[in-house]
Amino acid sequence: MARLLKLKDRFEKPFQYGDYALGALAWMQQEKVPLWGDIISASVPKSGTEISLIYISETGKDYSWKYRARFEVEKDGTVKVDHWVVD
């Protein structure tokens, strides 16, 4: 009989699924993770479009690379340039 009880204990879950859900919700509240929000995505380039990202440093020695430039060359030859600074 003792063997059967040990076998039964081996297959039991230590926690119910509700315990995991409550733990996850508590963590999300603590870390301020939104449960529901807007979907944010990057733009999808057209077919034949080439995109180049360039990371620029003032001296090349400080490894900051905080200046960024993005060049998007479309199939028809038009070029879009975007640049920004990362703090």
C-alpha atoms as a PDB file:
ATOM      1  CA  MET A   1       0.000   0.000   0.000  1.00  0.00           C
ATOM      2  CA  ALA A   2       2.857   2.401   0.787  1.00  0.00           C
ATOM      3  CA  ARG A   3       4.265   1.861  -2.708  1.00  0.00           C
ATOM      4  CA  LEU A   4       0.946   2.846  -4.259  1.00  0.00           C
ATOM      5  CA  LEU A   5       0.801   6.051  -2.187  1.00  0.00           C
ATOM      6  CA  LYS A   6       4.345   7.007  -3.265  1.00  0.00           C
ATOM      7  CA  LEU A   7       3.435   6.355  -6.900  1.00  0.00           C
ATOM      8  CA  LYS A   8       0.324   8.531  -6.545  1.00  0.00           C
ATOM      9  CA  ASP A   9       2.347  11.384  -5.016  1.00  0.00           C
ATOM     10  CA  ARG A  10       4.838  11.361  -7.869  1.00  0.00           C
ATOM     11  CA  PHE A  11       2.177  12.263 -10.468  1.00  0.00           C
ATOM     12  CA  GLU A  12       0.412  15.014  -8.521  1.00  0.00           C
ATOM     13  CA  LYS A  13       1.049  18.622  -9.468  1.00  0.00           C
ATOM     14  CA  PRO A  14       2.622  20.663  -6.671  1.00  0.00           C
ATOM     15  CA  PHE A  15       0.356  23.651  -7.456  1.00  0.00           C
ATOM     16  CA  GLN A  16      -2.896  24.186  -9.256  1.00  0.00           C
ATOM     17  CA  TYR A  17      -2.903  26.264 -12.461  1.00  0.00           C
ATOM     18  CA  GLY A  18      -4.733  29.057 -10.653  1.00  0.00           C
ATOM     19  CA  ASP A  19      -1.744  29.454  -8.327  1.00  0.00           C
ATOM     20  CA  TYR A  20       0.532  30.011 -11.324  1.00  0.00           C
ATOM     21  CA  ALA A  21      -1.901  32.563 -12.790  1.00  0.00           C
ATOM     22  CA  LEU A  22      -2.104  34.505  -9.519  1.00  0.00           C
ATOM     23  CA  GLY A  23       1.676  34.489  -9.220  1.00  0.00           C
ATOM     24  CA  ALA A  24       2.047  35.787 -12.796  1.00  0.00           C
ATOM     25  CA  LEU A  25      -0.538  38.521 -12.208  1.00  0.00           C
ATOM     26  CA  ALA A  26       1.210  39.595  -9.008  1.00  0.00           C
ATOM     27  CA  TRP A  27       4.542  39.791 -10.861  1.00  0.00           C
ATOM     28  CA  MET A  28       2.945  41.786 -13.720  1.00  0.00           C
ATOM     29  CA  GLN A  29       1.474  44.242 -11.210  1.00  0.00           C
ATOM     30  CA  GLN A  30       4.793  44.609  -9.391  1.00  0.00           C
ATOM     31  CA  GLU A  31       6.801  45.179 -12.595  1.00  0.00           C
ATOM     32  CA  LYS A  32       4.033  47.347 -14.135  1.00  0.00           C
ATOM     33  CA  VAL A  33       3.661  45.056 -17.145  1.00  0.00           C
ATOM     34  CA  PRO A  34       0.453  45.926 -19.011  1.00  0.00           C
ATOM     35  CA  LEU A  35      -2.040  43.119 -19.342  1.00  0.00           C
ATOM     36  CA  TRP A  36      -3.625  44.687 -22.421  1.00  0.00           C
ATOM     37  CA  GLY A  37      -2.367  47.460 -24.666  1.00  0.00           C
ATOM     38  CA  ASP A  38      -1.790  48.749 -28.167  1.00  0.00           C
ATOM     39  CA  ILE A  39       0.137  46.605 -30.613  1.00  0.00           C
ATOM     40  CA  ILE A  40       3.194  48.519 -31.759  1.00  0.00           C
ATOM     41  CA  SER A  41       5.134  47.332 -34.769  1.00  0.00           C
ATOM     42  CA  ALA A  42       7.696  48.523 -37.268  1.00  0.00           C
ATOM     43  CA  SER A  43       6.778  49.368 -40.815  1.00  0.00           C
ATOM     44  CA  VAL A  44       7.066  46.565 -43.361  1.00  0.00           C
ATOM     45  CA  PRO A  45       9.150  47.463 -46.419  1.00  0.00           C
ATOM     46  CA  LYS A  46       7.804  46.927 -49.921  1.00  0.00           C
ATOM     47  CA  SER A  47       9.167  44.211 -52.184  1.00  0.00           C
ATOM     48  CA  GLY A  48      12.534  45.234 -53.638  1.00  0.00           C
ATOM     49  CA  THR A  49      13.197  47.840 -50.948  1.00  0.00           C
ATOM     50  CA  GLU A  50      16.622  47.947 -49.304  1.00  0.00           C
ATOM     51  CA  ILE A  51      17.116  49.389 -45.821  1.00  0.00           C
ATOM     52  CA  SER A  52      20.463  50.343 -44.288  1.00  0.00           C
ATOM     53  CA  LEU A  53      20.996  51.337 -40.661  1.00  0.00           C
ATOM     54  CA  ILE A  54      24.131  53.297 -39.824  1.00  0.00           C
ATOM     55  CA  TYR A  55      25.415  53.770 -36.263  1.00  0.00           C
ATOM     56  CA  ILE A  56      27.586  56.884 -35.853  1.00  0.00           C
ATOM     57  CA  SER A  57      29.999  57.796 -33.033  1.00  0.00           C
ATOM     58  CA  GLU A  58      31.542  61.245 -32.548  1.00  0.00           C
ATOM     59  CA  THR A  59      35.067  59.980 -31.968  1.00  0.00           C
ATOM     60  CA  GLY A  60      34.913  56.261 -32.712  1.00  0.00           C
ATOM     61  CA  LYS A  61      36.670  55.622 -29.403  1.00  0.00           C
ATOM     62  CA  ASP A  62      33.904  56.163 -26.863  1.00  0.00           C
ATOM     63  CA  TYR A  63      31.726  53.263 -28.103  1.00  0.00           C
ATOM     64  CA  SER A  64      28.561  55.286 -27.608  1.00  0.00           C
ATOM     65  CA  TRP A  65      27.242  55.079 -31.181  1.00  0.00           C
ATOM     66  CA  LYS A  66      24.298  57.200 -30.105  1.00  0.00           C
ATOM     67  CA  TYR A  67      23.668  58.792 -33.504  1.00  0.00           C
ATOM     68  CA  ARG A  68      21.631  56.660 -35.898  1.00  0.00           C
ATOM     69  CA  ALA A  69      20.658  57.040 -39.551  1.00  0.00           C
ATOM     70  CA  ARG A  70      18.288  54.930 -41.632  1.00  0.00           C
ATOM     71  CA  PHE A  71      18.331  54.918 -45.421  1.00  0.00           C
ATOM     72  CA  GLU A  72      15.453  53.280 -47.278  1.00  0.00           C
ATOM     73  CA  VAL A  73      15.923  52.853 -51.038  1.00  0.00           C
ATOM     74  CA  GLU A  74      12.739  51.793 -52.790  1.00  0.00           C
ATOM     75  CA  LYS A  75      12.548  49.770 -55.981  1.00  0.00           C
ATOM     76  CA  ASP A  76      11.847  52.852 -58.120  1.00  0.00           C
ATOM     77  CA  GLY A  77      14.983  54.615 -56.786  1.00  0.00           C
ATOM     78  CA  THR A  78      13.436  57.012 -54.275  1.00  0.00           C
ATOM     79  CA  VAL A  79      15.397  57.422 -51.055  1.00  0.00           C
ATOM     80  CA  LYS A  80      13.981  58.171 -47.611  1.00  0.00           C
ATOM     81  CA  VAL A  81      16.406  59.272 -44.878  1.00  0.00           C
ATOM     82  CA  ASP A  82      15.606  59.225 -41.175  1.00  0.00           C
ATOM     83  CA  HIS A  83      18.008  60.075 -38.356  1.00  0.00           C
ATOM     84  CA  TRP A  84      17.735  60.159 -34.561  1.00  0.00           C
ATOM     85  CA  VAL A  85      19.786  60.247 -31.372  1.00  0.00           C
ATOM     86  CA  VAL A  86      19.652  57.598 -28.657  1.00  0.00           C
ATOM     87  CA  ASP A  87      20.386  58.791 -25.121  1.00  0.00           C
END
